[in-house]
């Protein structure tokens, strides 16, 4: 008799686990929303890193261009002084 009650109880528990209640559905919705937010944050982090790298490269190019311009101006000044 004990085993029969145990088996019947287990059958009810298993069948109850198969059906999702409102709490399980809400939990899954929350999990999906959290995953979407994580993906969005990861995407924005990637975009920020790319933008920062592009800004760094642009700044380095601007510094190089400015250094070249100063060097050219110094050469022009030296040439004009030698004449």
PDB file of N, CA and C in Angstrom:
ATOM      1  N   UNK A   1       0.810  -1.188   0.000  1.00  0.00           N
ATOM      2  CA  UNK A   1       0.000   0.000   0.000  1.00  0.00           C
ATOM      3  C   UNK A   1       0.855   1.254   0.000  1.00  0.00           C
ATOM      4  N   UNK A   2       1.938   1.213   0.772  1.00  0.00           N
ATOM      5  CA  UNK A   2       2.841   2.361   0.825  1.00  0.00           C
ATOM      6  C   UNK A   2       3.411   2.663  -0.558  1.00  0.00           C
ATOM      7  N   UNK A   3       3.838   1.607  -1.231  1.00  0.00           N
ATOM      8  CA  UNK A   3       4.447   1.787  -2.547  1.00  0.00           C
ATOM      9  C   UNK A   3       3.436   2.338  -3.543  1.00  0.00           C
ATOM     10  N   UNK A   4       2.213   1.911  -3.427  1.00  0.00           N
ATOM     11  CA  UNK A   4       1.171   2.400  -4.322  1.00  0.00           C
ATOM     12  C   UNK A   4       0.941   3.890  -4.102  1.00  0.00           C
ATOM     13  N   UNK A   5       0.886   4.322  -2.853  1.00  0.00           N
ATOM     14  CA  UNK A   5       0.731   5.744  -2.552  1.00  0.00           C
ATOM     15  C   UNK A   5       1.941   6.542  -3.039  1.00  0.00           C
ATOM     16  N   UNK A   6       3.113   5.987  -2.863  1.00  0.00           N
ATOM     17  CA  UNK A   6       4.332   6.650  -3.319  1.00  0.00           C
ATOM     18  C   UNK A   6       4.326   6.805  -4.837  1.00  0.00           C
ATOM     19  N   UNK A   7       3.943   5.774  -5.536  1.00  0.00           N
ATOM     20  CA  UNK A   7       3.904   5.813  -7.004  1.00  0.00           C
ATOM     21  C   UNK A   7       2.856   6.822  -7.477  1.00  0.00           C
ATOM     22  N   UNK A   8       1.693   6.796  -6.848  1.00  0.00           N
ATOM     23  CA  UNK A   8       0.640   7.747  -7.232  1.00  0.00           C
ATOM     24  C   UNK A   8       1.100   9.174  -6.961  1.00  0.00           C
ATOM     25  N   UNK A   9       1.739   9.403  -5.835  1.00  0.00           N
ATOM     26  CA  UNK A   9       2.254  10.736  -5.510  1.00  0.00           C
ATOM     27  C   UNK A   9       3.278  11.195  -6.540  1.00  0.00           C
ATOM     28  N   UNK A  10       4.154  10.303  -6.925  1.00  0.00           N
ATOM     29  CA  UNK A  10       5.186  10.653  -7.905  1.00  0.00           C
ATOM     30  C   UNK A  10       4.561  10.961  -9.261  1.00  0.00           C
ATOM     31  N   UNK A  11       3.537  10.226  -9.635  1.00  0.00           N
ATOM     32  CA  UNK A  11       2.854  10.479 -10.902  1.00  0.00           C
ATOM     33  C   UNK A  11       2.237  11.872 -10.893  1.00  0.00           C
ATOM     34  N   UNK A  12       1.607  12.240  -9.788  1.00  0.00           N
ATOM     35  CA  UNK A  12       1.017  13.571  -9.681  1.00  0.00           C
ATOM     36  C   UNK A  12       2.094  14.653  -9.715  1.00  0.00           C
ATOM     37  N   UNK A  13       3.196  14.421  -9.044  1.00  0.00           N
ATOM     38  CA  UNK A  13       4.282  15.409  -9.044  1.00  0.00           C
ATOM     39  C   UNK A  13       4.862  15.595 -10.438  1.00  0.00           C
ATOM     40  N   UNK A  14       5.081  14.510 -11.136  1.00  0.00           N
ATOM     41  CA  UNK A  14       5.641  14.585 -12.484  1.00  0.00           C
ATOM     42  C   UNK A  14       4.673  15.294 -13.423  1.00  0.00           C
ATOM     43  N   UNK A  15       3.395  14.956 -13.316  1.00  0.00           N
ATOM     44  CA  UNK A  15       2.420  15.598 -14.202  1.00  0.00           C
ATOM     45  C   UNK A  15       2.274  17.068 -13.858  1.00  0.00           C
ATOM     46  N   UNK A  16       2.414  17.430 -12.606  1.00  0.00           N
ATOM     47  CA  UNK A  16       2.336  18.835 -12.204  1.00  0.00           C
ATOM     48  C   UNK A  16       3.540  19.601 -12.725  1.00  0.00           C
ATOM     49  N   UNK A  17       4.691  18.976 -12.814  1.00  0.00           N
ATOM     50  CA  UNK A  17       5.897  19.640 -13.303  1.00  0.00           C
ATOM     51  C   UNK A  17       5.842  19.888 -14.802  1.00  0.00           C
ATOM     52  N   UNK A  18       5.067  19.113 -15.509  1.00  0.00           N
ATOM     53  CA  UNK A  18       4.995  19.270 -16.956  1.00  0.00           C
ATOM     54  C   UNK A  18       4.242  20.525 -17.355  1.00  0.00           C
ATOM     55  N   UNK A  19       3.281  20.934 -16.538  1.00  0.00           N
ATOM     56  CA  UNK A  19       2.486  22.110 -16.856  1.00  0.00           C
ATOM     57  C   UNK A  19       3.143  23.328 -16.241  1.00  0.00           C
ATOM     58  N   UNK A  20       3.277  24.375 -17.070  1.00  0.00           N
ATOM     59  CA  UNK A  20       3.853  25.602 -16.556  1.00  0.00           C
ATOM     60  C   UNK A  20       2.751  26.491 -15.997  1.00  0.00           C
ATOM     61  N   UNK A  21       2.948  26.943 -14.805  1.00  0.00           N
ATOM     62  CA  UNK A  21       2.007  27.864 -14.204  1.00  0.00           C
ATOM     63  C   UNK A  21       2.406  29.291 -14.505  1.00  0.00           C
ATOM     64  N   UNK A  22       1.651  30.231 -14.020  1.00  0.00           N
ATOM     65  CA  UNK A  22       1.947  31.642 -14.276  1.00  0.00           C
ATOM     66  C   UNK A  22       3.308  32.067 -13.729  1.00  0.00           C
ATOM     67  N   UNK A  23       3.715  31.512 -12.608  1.00  0.00           N
ATOM     68  CA  UNK A  23       5.016  31.878 -12.043  1.00  0.00           C
ATOM     69  C   UNK A  23       6.153  31.405 -12.938  1.00  0.00           C
ATOM     70  N   UNK A  24       6.021  30.182 -13.462  1.00  0.00           N
ATOM     71  CA  UNK A  24       7.060  29.666 -14.361  1.00  0.00           C
ATOM     72  C   UNK A  24       7.112  30.483 -15.646  1.00  0.00           C
ATOM     73  N   UNK A  25       5.942  30.828 -16.164  1.00  0.00           N
ATOM     74  CA  UNK A  25       5.901  31.633 -17.395  1.00  0.00           C
ATOM     75  C   UNK A  25       6.497  33.014 -17.152  1.00  0.00           C
ATOM     76  N   UNK A  26       6.170  33.613 -16.011  1.00  0.00           N
ATOM     77  CA  UNK A  26       6.734  34.922 -15.679  1.00  0.00           C
ATOM     78  C   UNK A  26       8.247  34.819 -15.520  1.00  0.00           C
ATOM     79  N   UNK A  27       8.695  33.746 -14.881  1.00  0.00           N
ATOM     80  CA  UNK A  27      10.131  33.547 -14.708  1.00  0.00           C
ATOM     81  C   UNK A  27      10.846  33.412 -16.033  1.00  0.00           C
ATOM     82  N   UNK A  28      10.254  32.675 -16.963  1.00  0.00           N
ATOM     83  CA  UNK A  28      10.854  32.533 -18.292  1.00  0.00           C
ATOM     84  C   UNK A  28      10.871  33.861 -19.020  1.00  0.00           C
ATOM     85  N   UNK A  29       9.797  34.646 -18.889  1.00  0.00           N
ATOM     86  CA  UNK A  29       9.754  35.964 -19.525  1.00  0.00           C
ATOM     87  C   UNK A  29      10.836  36.869 -18.958  1.00  0.00           C
ATOM     88  N   UNK A  30      11.017  36.803 -17.661  1.00  0.00           N
ATOM     89  CA  UNK A  30      12.065  37.611 -17.023  1.00  0.00           C
ATOM     90  C   UNK A  30      13.438  37.155 -17.502  1.00  0.00           C
ATOM     91  N   UNK A  31      13.654  35.847 -17.574  1.00  0.00           N
ATOM     92  CA  UNK A  31      14.935  35.328 -18.062  1.00  0.00           C
ATOM     93  C   UNK A  31      15.218  35.810 -19.480  1.00  0.00           C
ATOM     94  N   UNK A  32      14.198  35.774 -20.334  1.00  0.00           N
ATOM     95  CA  UNK A  32      14.372  36.223 -21.714  1.00  0.00           C
ATOM     96  C   UNK A  32      14.665  37.716 -21.760  1.00  0.00           C
ATOM     97  N   UNK A  33      13.974  38.495 -20.937  1.00  0.00           N
ATOM     98  CA  UNK A  33      14.206  39.941 -20.909  1.00  0.00           C
ATOM     99  C   UNK A  33      15.618  40.257 -20.431  1.00  0.00           C
ATOM    100  N   UNK A  34      16.075  39.541 -19.416  1.00  0.00           N
ATOM    101  CA  UNK A  34      17.434  39.748 -18.902  1.00  0.00           C
ATOM    102  C   UNK A  34      18.451  39.408 -19.985  1.00  0.00           C
ATOM    103  N   UNK A  35      18.220  38.337 -20.714  1.00  0.00           N
ATOM    104  CA  UNK A  35      19.140  37.945 -21.791  1.00  0.00           C
ATOM    105  C   UNK A  35      19.170  39.006 -22.891  1.00  0.00           C
ATOM    106  N   UNK A  36      18.010  39.553 -23.223  1.00  0.00           N
ATOM    107  CA  UNK A  36      17.952  40.606 -24.241  1.00  0.00           C
ATOM    108  C   UNK A  36      18.709  41.852 -23.772  1.00  0.00           C
ATOM    109  N   UNK A  37      18.565  42.197 -22.498  1.00  0.00           N
ATOM    110  CA  UNK A  37      19.290  43.354 -21.959  1.00  0.00           C
ATOM    111  C   UNK A  37      20.787  43.090 -21.983  1.00  0.00           C
ATOM    112  N   UNK A  38      21.182  41.876 -21.598  1.00  0.00           N
ATOM    113  CA  UNK A  38      22.612  41.518 -21.650  1.00  0.00           C
ATOM    114  C   UNK A  38      23.162  41.656 -23.062  1.00  0.00           C
ATOM    115  N   UNK A  39      22.406  41.139 -24.036  1.00  0.00           N
ATOM    116  CA  UNK A  39      22.844  41.231 -25.423  1.00  0.00           C
ATOM    117  C   UNK A  39      22.964  42.689 -25.860  1.00  0.00           C
ATOM    118  N   UNK A  40      21.999  43.513 -25.463  1.00  0.00           N
ATOM    119  CA  UNK A  40      22.036  44.932 -25.831  1.00  0.00           C
ATOM    120  C   UNK A  40      23.231  45.632 -25.196  1.00  0.00           C
ATOM    121  N   UNK A  41      23.522  45.306 -23.947  1.00  0.00           N
ATOM    122  CA  UNK A  41      24.671  45.904 -23.262  1.00  0.00           C
ATOM    123  C   UNK A  41      25.966  45.457 -23.934  1.00  0.00           C
ATOM    124  N   UNK A  42      26.058  44.169 -24.248  1.00  0.00           N
ATOM    125  CA  UNK A  42      27.254  43.670 -24.936  1.00  0.00           C
ATOM    126  C   UNK A  42      27.435  44.367 -26.274  1.00  0.00           C
ATOM    127  N   UNK A  43      26.330  44.549 -27.002  1.00  0.00           N
ATOM    128  CA  UNK A  43      26.381  45.218 -28.299  1.00  0.00           C
ATOM    129  C   UNK A  43      26.818  46.665 -28.139  1.00  0.00           C
ATOM    130  N   UNK A  44      26.266  47.361 -27.138  1.00  0.00           N
ATOM    131  CA  UNK A  44      26.648  48.757 -26.937  1.00  0.00           C
ATOM    132  C   UNK A  44      28.093  48.863 -26.467  1.00  0.00           C
ATOM    133  N   UNK A  45      28.545  47.903 -25.668  1.00  0.00           N
ATOM    134  CA  UNK A  45      29.953  47.891 -25.257  1.00  0.00           C
ATOM    135  C   UNK A  45      30.858  47.748 -26.476  1.00  0.00           C
ATOM    136  N   UNK A  46      30.491  46.860 -27.388  1.00  0.00           N
ATOM    137  CA  UNK A  46      31.283  46.669 -28.604  1.00  0.00           C
ATOM    138  C   UNK A  46      31.310  47.948 -29.432  1.00  0.00           C
ATOM    139  N   UNK A  47      30.149  48.573 -29.559  1.00  0.00           N
ATOM    140  CA  UNK A  47      30.089  49.826 -30.335  1.00  0.00           C
ATOM    141  C   UNK A  47      30.914  50.918 -29.677  1.00  0.00           C
ATOM    142  N   UNK A  48      30.869  51.002 -28.345  1.00  0.00           N
ATOM    143  CA  UNK A  48      31.668  52.008 -27.647  1.00  0.00           C
ATOM    144  C   UNK A  48      33.159  51.751 -27.832  1.00  0.00           C
ATOM    145  N   UNK A  49      33.548  50.488 -27.758  1.00  0.00           N
ATOM    146  CA  UNK A  49      34.961  50.153 -27.957  1.00  0.00           C
ATOM    147  C   UNK A  49      35.406  50.518 -29.365  1.00  0.00           C
ATOM    148  N   UNK A  50      34.563  50.222 -30.357  1.00  0.00           N
ATOM    149  CA  UNK A  50      34.898  50.570 -31.738  1.00  0.00           C
ATOM    150  C   UNK A  50      34.997  52.079 -31.906  1.00  0.00           C
ATOM    151  N   UNK A  51      34.045  52.820 -31.323  1.00  0.00           N
ATOM    152  CA  UNK A  51      34.060  54.281 -31.421  1.00  0.00           C
ATOM    153  C   UNK A  51      35.296  54.852 -30.739  1.00  0.00           C
ATOM    154  N   UNK A  52      35.664  54.294 -29.597  1.00  0.00           N
ATOM    155  CA  UNK A  52      36.852  54.762 -28.889  1.00  0.00           C
ATOM    156  C   UNK A  52      38.109  54.497 -29.710  1.00  0.00           C
ATOM    157  N   UNK A  53      38.177  53.334 -30.337  1.00  0.00           N
ATOM    158  CA  UNK A  53      39.341  53.016 -31.181  1.00  0.00           C
ATOM    159  C   UNK A  53      39.415  53.959 -32.378  1.00  0.00           C
ATOM    160  N   UNK A  54      38.270  54.225 -32.996  1.00  0.00           N
ATOM    161  CA  UNK A  54      38.245  55.151 -34.129  1.00  0.00           C
ATOM    162  C   UNK A  54      38.650  56.554 -33.700  1.00  0.00           C
ATOM    163  N   UNK A  55      38.178  56.993 -32.528  1.00  0.00           N
ATOM    164  CA  UNK A  55      38.544  58.315 -32.021  1.00  0.00           C
ATOM    165  C   UNK A  55      40.038  58.385 -31.716  1.00  0.00           C
ATOM    166  N   UNK A  56      40.574  57.321 -31.159  1.00  0.00           N
ATOM    167  CA  UNK A  56      42.010  57.274 -30.862  1.00  0.00           C
ATOM    168  C   UNK A  56      42.825  57.373 -32.147  1.00  0.00           C
ATOM    169  N   UNK A  57      42.423  56.598 -33.159  1.00  0.00           N
ATOM    170  CA  UNK A  57      43.134  56.636 -34.432  1.00  0.00           C
ATOM    171  C   UNK A  57      43.028  58.007 -35.082  1.00  0.00           C
ATOM    172  N   UNK A  58      41.859  58.633 -35.014  1.00  0.00           N
ATOM    173  CA  UNK A  58      41.682  59.967 -35.583  1.00  0.00           C
ATOM    174  C   UNK A  58      42.556  60.984 -34.857  1.00  0.00           C
ATOM    175  N   UNK A  59      42.632  60.873 -33.532  1.00  0.00           N
ATOM    176  CA  UNK A  59      43.480  61.783 -32.760  1.00  0.00           C
ATOM    177  C   UNK A  59      44.953  61.585 -33.105  1.00  0.00           C
ATOM    178  N   UNK A  60      45.367  60.326 -33.238  1.00  0.00           N
ATOM    179  CA  UNK A  60      46.761  60.055 -33.616  1.00  0.00           C
ATOM    180  C   UNK A  60      47.068  60.616 -34.996  1.00  0.00           C
ATOM    181  N   UNK A  61      46.140  60.454 -35.936  1.00  0.00           N
ATOM    182  CA  UNK A  61      46.327  61.009 -37.277  1.00  0.00           C
ATOM    183  C   UNK A  61      46.423  62.527 -37.233  1.00  0.00           C
ATOM    184  N   UNK A  62      45.563  63.157 -36.410  1.00  0.00           N
ATOM    185  CA  UNK A  62      45.586  64.617 -36.298  1.00  0.00           C
ATOM    186  C   UNK A  62      46.909  65.094 -35.711  1.00  0.00           C
ATOM    187  N   UNK A  63      47.413  64.388 -34.717  1.00  0.00           N
ATOM    188  CA  UNK A  63      48.702  64.746 -34.113  1.00  0.00           C
ATOM    189  C   UNK A  63      49.817  64.581 -35.137  1.00  0.00           C
ATOM    190  N   UNK A  64      49.794  63.487 -35.889  1.00  0.00           N
ATOM    191  CA  UNK A  64      50.812  63.277 -36.925  1.00  0.00           C
ATOM    192  C   UNK A  64      50.748  64.372 -37.984  1.00  0.00           C
ATOM    193  N   UNK A  65      49.535  64.723 -38.409  1.00  0.00           N
ATOM    194  CA  UNK A  65      49.374  65.790 -39.408  1.00  0.00           C
ATOM    195  C   UNK A  65      49.881  67.124 -38.870  1.00  0.00           C
ATOM    196  N   UNK A  66      49.583  67.419 -37.608  1.00  0.00           N
ATOM    197  CA  UNK A  66      50.046  68.668 -37.003  1.00  0.00           C
ATOM    198  C   UNK A  66      51.570  68.680 -36.902  1.00  0.00           C
ATOM    199  N   UNK A  67      52.158  67.555 -36.533  1.00  0.00           N
ATOM    200  CA  UNK A  67      53.621  67.479 -36.435  1.00  0.00           C
ATOM    201  C   UNK A  67      54.256  67.671 -37.805  1.00  0.00           C
ATOM    202  N   UNK A  68      53.657  67.074 -38.836  1.00  0.00           N
ATOM    203  CA  UNK A  68      54.163  67.253 -40.197  1.00  0.00           C
ATOM    204  C   UNK A  68      54.061  68.715 -40.624  1.00  0.00           C
ATOM    205  N   UNK A  69      52.953  69.358 -40.290  1.00  0.00           N
ATOM    206  CA  UNK A  69      52.758  70.763 -40.660  1.00  0.00           C
ATOM    207  C   UNK A  69      53.776  71.652 -39.953  1.00  0.00           C
ATOM    208  N   UNK A  70      54.046  71.386 -38.688  1.00  0.00           N
ATOM    209  CA  UNK A  70      55.039  72.167 -37.939  1.00  0.00           C
ATOM    210  C   UNK A  70      56.419  71.940 -38.541  1.00  0.00           C
ATOM    211  N   UNK A  71      56.724  70.709 -38.883  1.00  0.00           N
ATOM    212  CA  UNK A  71      58.038  70.409 -39.486  1.00  0.00           C
ATOM    213  C   UNK A  71      58.181  71.100 -40.837  1.00  0.00           C
ATOM    214  N   UNK A  72      57.119  71.066 -41.652  1.00  0.00           N
ATOM    215  CA  UNK A  72      57.160  71.755 -42.948  1.00  0.00           C
ATOM    216  C   UNK A  72      57.325  73.259 -42.764  1.00  0.00           C
ATOM    217  N   UNK A  73      56.641  73.820 -41.786  1.00  0.00           N
ATOM    218  CA  UNK A  73      56.760  75.263 -41.530  1.00  0.00           C
ATOM    219  C   UNK A  73      58.172  75.600 -41.062  1.00  0.00           C
ATOM    220  N   UNK A  74      58.746  74.761 -40.245  1.00  0.00           N
ATOM    221  CA  UNK A  74      60.115  75.000 -39.769  1.00  0.00           C
ATOM    222  C   UNK A  74      61.090  74.914 -40.919  1.00  0.00           C
ATOM    223  N   UNK A  75      60.890  73.950 -41.819  1.00  0.00           N
ATOM    224  CA  UNK A  75      61.766  73.820 -42.998  1.00  0.00           C
ATOM    225  C   UNK A  75      61.637  75.039 -43.893  1.00  0.00           C
ATOM    226  N   UNK A  76      60.393  75.520 -44.092  1.00  0.00           N
ATOM    227  CA  UNK A  76      60.171  76.709 -44.914  1.00  0.00           C
ATOM    228  C   UNK A  76      60.836  77.916 -44.281  1.00  0.00           C
ATOM    229  N   UNK A  77      60.747  78.046 -42.975  1.00  0.00           N
ATOM    230  CA  UNK A  77      61.367  79.166 -42.279  1.00  0.00           C
ATOM    231  C   UNK A  77      62.882  79.096 -42.393  1.00  0.00           C
ATOM    232  N   UNK A  78      63.417  77.913 -42.257  1.00  0.00           N
ATOM    233  CA  UNK A  78      64.868  77.754 -42.374  1.00  0.00           C
ATOM    234  C   UNK A  78      65.323  78.082 -43.793  1.00  0.00           C
ATOM    235  N   UNK A  79      64.561  77.643 -44.792  1.00  0.00           N
ATOM    236  CA  UNK A  79      64.911  77.933 -46.183  1.00  0.00           C
ATOM    237  C   UNK A  79      64.865  79.436 -46.449  1.00  0.00           C
ATOM    238  N   UNK A  80      63.883  80.111 -45.919  1.00  0.00           N
ATOM    239  CA  UNK A  80      63.769  81.538 -46.162  1.00  0.00           C
ATOM    240  C   UNK A  80      64.861  82.297 -45.426  1.00  0.00           C
ATOM    241  N   UNK A  81      65.325  81.808 -44.302  1.00  0.00           N
ATOM    242  CA  UNK A  81      66.400  82.458 -43.559  1.00  0.00           C
ATOM    243  C   UNK A  81      67.742  82.259 -44.261  1.00  0.00           C
ATOM    244  N   UNK A  82      67.901  81.141 -44.972  1.00  0.00           N
ATOM    245  CA  UNK A  82      69.157  80.851 -45.657  1.00  0.00           C
ATOM    246  C   UNK A  82      69.280  81.627 -46.958  1.00  0.00           C
ATOM    247  N   UNK A  83      68.218  82.201 -47.435  1.00  0.00           N
ATOM    248  CA  UNK A  83      68.292  82.921 -48.714  1.00  0.00           C
ATOM    249  C   UNK A  83      68.666  84.354 -48.560  1.00  0.00           C
TER     250      UNK A  83
END
